[in-house]
């Protein structure tokens, strides 16, 4: 059999995006609530880390210079 021959199936058959999305949604619905909660907690922790990483060091210096919350 030669590559691309008529009696050989294509390696990558075209797939409808609707079918792919439907399969993803059905798979997502079958995941247990514990896994949902764990993934949400991990995503929230990562989001906080990204936000804190983006804060410039000047803000930390300003907050450290304040003796109490009223000065902020």
N, C-alpha and C. Protein backbone atom coordinates (compact mmCIF):
# COMPACT_ATOMS: atom_id res chain seq x y z
N UNK A 1 0.84 -1.19 0.00
CA UNK A 1 0.00 0.00 0.00
C UNK A 1 0.88 1.24 0.00
N UNK A 2 0.56 2.15 -0.84
CA UNK A 2 1.31 3.39 -0.90
C UNK A 2 0.63 4.46 -0.05
N UNK A 3 1.41 5.39 0.43
CA UNK A 3 0.86 6.48 1.23
C UNK A 3 -0.10 7.30 0.37
N UNK A 4 -1.27 7.55 0.87
CA UNK A 4 -2.26 8.33 0.13
C UNK A 4 -3.03 7.51 -0.87
N UNK A 5 -2.84 6.20 -0.88
CA UNK A 5 -3.56 5.34 -1.81
C UNK A 5 -5.04 5.28 -1.47
N UNK A 6 -5.85 4.83 -2.44
CA UNK A 6 -7.30 4.82 -2.23
C UNK A 6 -7.73 3.78 -1.20
N UNK A 7 -6.98 2.68 -1.06
CA UNK A 7 -7.37 1.66 -0.10
C UNK A 7 -6.74 1.88 1.28
N UNK A 8 -6.13 3.02 1.47
CA UNK A 8 -5.53 3.35 2.77
C UNK A 8 -6.28 4.55 3.36
N UNK A 9 -6.69 4.42 4.62
CA UNK A 9 -7.44 5.51 5.24
C UNK A 9 -6.50 6.67 5.56
N UNK A 10 -7.01 7.89 5.51
CA UNK A 10 -6.17 9.04 5.83
C UNK A 10 -5.78 9.04 7.30
N UNK A 11 -4.60 9.54 7.60
CA UNK A 11 -4.14 9.55 8.99
C UNK A 11 -4.97 10.51 9.84
N UNK A 12 -5.25 11.66 9.32
CA UNK A 12 -6.02 12.64 10.07
C UNK A 12 -7.32 12.91 9.33
N UNK A 13 -8.36 12.31 9.80
CA UNK A 13 -9.67 12.53 9.19
C UNK A 13 -10.24 13.84 9.71
N UNK A 14 -10.91 14.59 8.85
CA UNK A 14 -11.50 15.85 9.31
C UNK A 14 -12.58 15.58 10.36
N UNK A 15 -12.57 16.38 11.43
CA UNK A 15 -13.52 16.22 12.52
C UNK A 15 -14.27 17.53 12.69
N UNK A 16 -15.56 17.42 12.88
CA UNK A 16 -16.38 18.61 13.08
C UNK A 16 -16.07 19.22 14.44
N UNK A 17 -15.97 20.55 14.50
CA UNK A 17 -15.73 21.22 15.78
C UNK A 17 -16.93 21.08 16.71
N UNK A 18 -18.12 20.93 16.15
CA UNK A 18 -19.32 20.73 16.96
C UNK A 18 -19.22 19.41 17.70
N UNK A 19 -18.77 18.37 17.01
CA UNK A 19 -18.60 17.06 17.64
C UNK A 19 -17.55 17.12 18.74
N UNK A 20 -16.45 17.80 18.47
CA UNK A 20 -15.38 17.93 19.46
C UNK A 20 -15.87 18.67 20.69
N UNK A 21 -16.59 19.76 20.50
CA UNK A 21 -17.11 20.55 21.62
C UNK A 21 -18.11 19.74 22.43
N UNK A 22 -18.99 19.02 21.74
CA UNK A 22 -20.00 18.21 22.43
C UNK A 22 -19.31 17.13 23.27
N UNK A 23 -18.29 16.49 22.73
CA UNK A 23 -17.56 15.45 23.46
C UNK A 23 -16.89 16.05 24.68
N UNK A 24 -16.30 17.23 24.53
CA UNK A 24 -15.63 17.90 25.66
C UNK A 24 -16.63 18.21 26.77
N UNK A 25 -17.79 18.74 26.41
CA UNK A 25 -18.80 19.09 27.40
C UNK A 25 -19.31 17.84 28.11
N UNK A 26 -19.54 16.77 27.38
CA UNK A 26 -20.00 15.53 28.00
C UNK A 26 -18.95 14.97 28.95
N UNK A 27 -17.69 15.06 28.58
CA UNK A 27 -16.61 14.58 29.44
C UNK A 27 -16.53 15.44 30.69
N UNK A 28 -16.66 16.76 30.53
CA UNK A 28 -16.59 17.68 31.66
C UNK A 28 -17.71 17.41 32.66
N UNK A 29 -18.90 17.07 32.17
CA UNK A 29 -20.03 16.79 33.04
C UNK A 29 -19.81 15.53 33.87
N UNK A 30 -19.01 14.60 33.37
CA UNK A 30 -18.79 13.33 34.05
C UNK A 30 -17.70 13.41 35.13
N UNK A 31 -17.02 14.54 35.24
CA UNK A 31 -15.97 14.69 36.25
C UNK A 31 -16.63 14.92 37.61
N UNK A 32 -16.11 14.28 38.64
CA UNK A 32 -16.72 14.38 39.97
C UNK A 32 -16.57 15.79 40.54
N UNK A 33 -17.42 16.11 41.51
CA UNK A 33 -17.41 17.44 42.14
C UNK A 33 -16.09 17.69 42.87
N UNK A 34 -15.49 16.64 43.43
CA UNK A 34 -14.20 16.80 44.12
C UNK A 34 -13.12 17.29 43.17
N UNK A 35 -13.11 16.74 41.97
CA UNK A 35 -12.12 17.15 40.98
C UNK A 35 -12.40 18.57 40.52
N UNK A 36 -13.69 18.93 40.33
CA UNK A 36 -14.05 20.31 39.99
C UNK A 36 -13.52 21.27 41.05
N UNK A 37 -13.75 20.94 42.32
CA UNK A 37 -13.32 21.81 43.41
C UNK A 37 -11.80 21.94 43.45
N UNK A 38 -11.10 20.83 43.23
CA UNK A 38 -9.64 20.86 43.25
C UNK A 38 -9.11 21.72 42.10
N UNK A 39 -9.67 21.55 40.91
CA UNK A 39 -9.22 22.34 39.77
C UNK A 39 -9.50 23.82 39.96
N UNK A 40 -10.67 24.14 40.53
CA UNK A 40 -11.00 25.54 40.78
C UNK A 40 -10.06 26.16 41.81
N UNK A 41 -9.71 25.41 42.86
CA UNK A 41 -8.79 25.91 43.87
C UNK A 41 -7.40 26.14 43.28
N UNK A 42 -6.95 25.22 42.44
CA UNK A 42 -5.64 25.37 41.79
C UNK A 42 -5.64 26.58 40.86
N UNK A 43 -6.72 26.77 40.12
CA UNK A 43 -6.82 27.90 39.20
C UNK A 43 -6.83 29.22 39.97
N UNK A 44 -7.53 29.25 41.10
CA UNK A 44 -7.59 30.47 41.90
C UNK A 44 -6.21 30.80 42.48
N UNK A 45 -5.51 29.79 42.98
CA UNK A 45 -4.17 30.00 43.53
C UNK A 45 -3.21 30.50 42.45
N UNK A 46 -3.33 29.95 41.26
CA UNK A 46 -2.47 30.39 40.16
C UNK A 46 -2.80 31.83 39.76
N UNK A 47 -4.08 32.19 39.76
CA UNK A 47 -4.48 33.55 39.41
C UNK A 47 -3.92 34.55 40.43
N UNK A 48 -3.98 34.21 41.71
CA UNK A 48 -3.43 35.09 42.75
C UNK A 48 -1.93 35.25 42.55
N UNK A 49 -1.25 34.17 42.24
CA UNK A 49 0.20 34.22 42.02
C UNK A 49 0.54 35.11 40.83
N UNK A 50 -0.23 35.01 39.76
CA UNK A 50 0.01 35.84 38.57
C UNK A 50 -0.19 37.31 38.92
N UNK A 51 -1.24 37.61 39.68
CA UNK A 51 -1.50 39.00 40.07
C UNK A 51 -0.37 39.53 40.94
N UNK A 52 0.06 38.75 41.93
CA UNK A 52 1.12 39.20 42.82
C UNK A 52 2.45 39.35 42.10
N UNK A 53 2.70 38.51 41.13
CA UNK A 53 3.93 38.61 40.35
C UNK A 53 3.95 39.90 39.53
N UNK A 54 2.77 40.32 39.09
CA UNK A 54 2.68 41.52 38.26
C UNK A 54 2.76 42.82 39.03
N UNK A 55 2.61 42.77 40.37
CA UNK A 55 2.68 43.99 41.18
C UNK A 55 4.14 44.41 41.29
N UNK A 56 4.37 45.67 41.02
CA UNK A 56 5.73 46.20 41.05
C UNK A 56 6.25 46.25 42.49
N UNK A 57 7.55 46.18 42.67
CA UNK A 57 8.16 46.20 44.00
C UNK A 57 7.94 47.51 44.73
N UNK A 58 7.65 48.60 44.01
CA UNK A 58 7.39 49.89 44.66
C UNK A 58 6.20 49.80 45.60
N UNK A 59 5.20 49.04 45.23
CA UNK A 59 4.02 48.89 46.07
C UNK A 59 4.40 48.20 47.37
N UNK A 60 5.21 47.16 47.29
CA UNK A 60 5.65 46.47 48.50
C UNK A 60 6.44 47.42 49.40
N UNK A 61 7.28 48.25 48.83
CA UNK A 61 8.08 49.20 49.60
C UNK A 61 7.19 50.21 50.29
N UNK A 62 6.16 50.69 49.60
CA UNK A 62 5.23 51.66 50.17
C UNK A 62 4.48 51.06 51.35
N UNK A 63 3.99 49.85 51.18
CA UNK A 63 3.25 49.19 52.25
C UNK A 63 4.16 48.91 53.44
N UNK A 64 5.38 48.48 53.19
CA UNK A 64 6.32 48.19 54.28
C UNK A 64 6.68 49.45 55.06
N UNK A 65 6.67 50.62 54.40
CA UNK A 65 7.03 51.88 55.05
C UNK A 65 5.93 52.37 55.99
N UNK A 66 4.70 51.91 55.81
CA UNK A 66 3.59 52.34 56.66
C UNK A 66 3.65 51.64 58.01
N UNK A 67 3.46 52.43 59.07
CA UNK A 67 3.50 51.86 60.42
C UNK A 67 2.18 51.22 60.80
N UNK A 68 1.08 51.72 60.24
CA UNK A 68 -0.23 51.14 60.54
C UNK A 68 -1.14 51.26 59.32
N UNK A 69 -2.30 50.67 59.40
CA UNK A 69 -3.22 50.64 58.26
C UNK A 69 -3.76 52.02 57.91
N UNK A 70 -3.85 52.92 58.89
CA UNK A 70 -4.38 54.27 58.61
C UNK A 70 -3.48 55.04 57.66
N UNK A 71 -2.18 54.78 57.70
CA UNK A 71 -1.26 55.49 56.81
C UNK A 71 -1.41 55.06 55.36
N UNK A 72 -1.95 53.89 55.15
CA UNK A 72 -2.12 53.41 53.79
C UNK A 72 -3.26 54.14 53.15
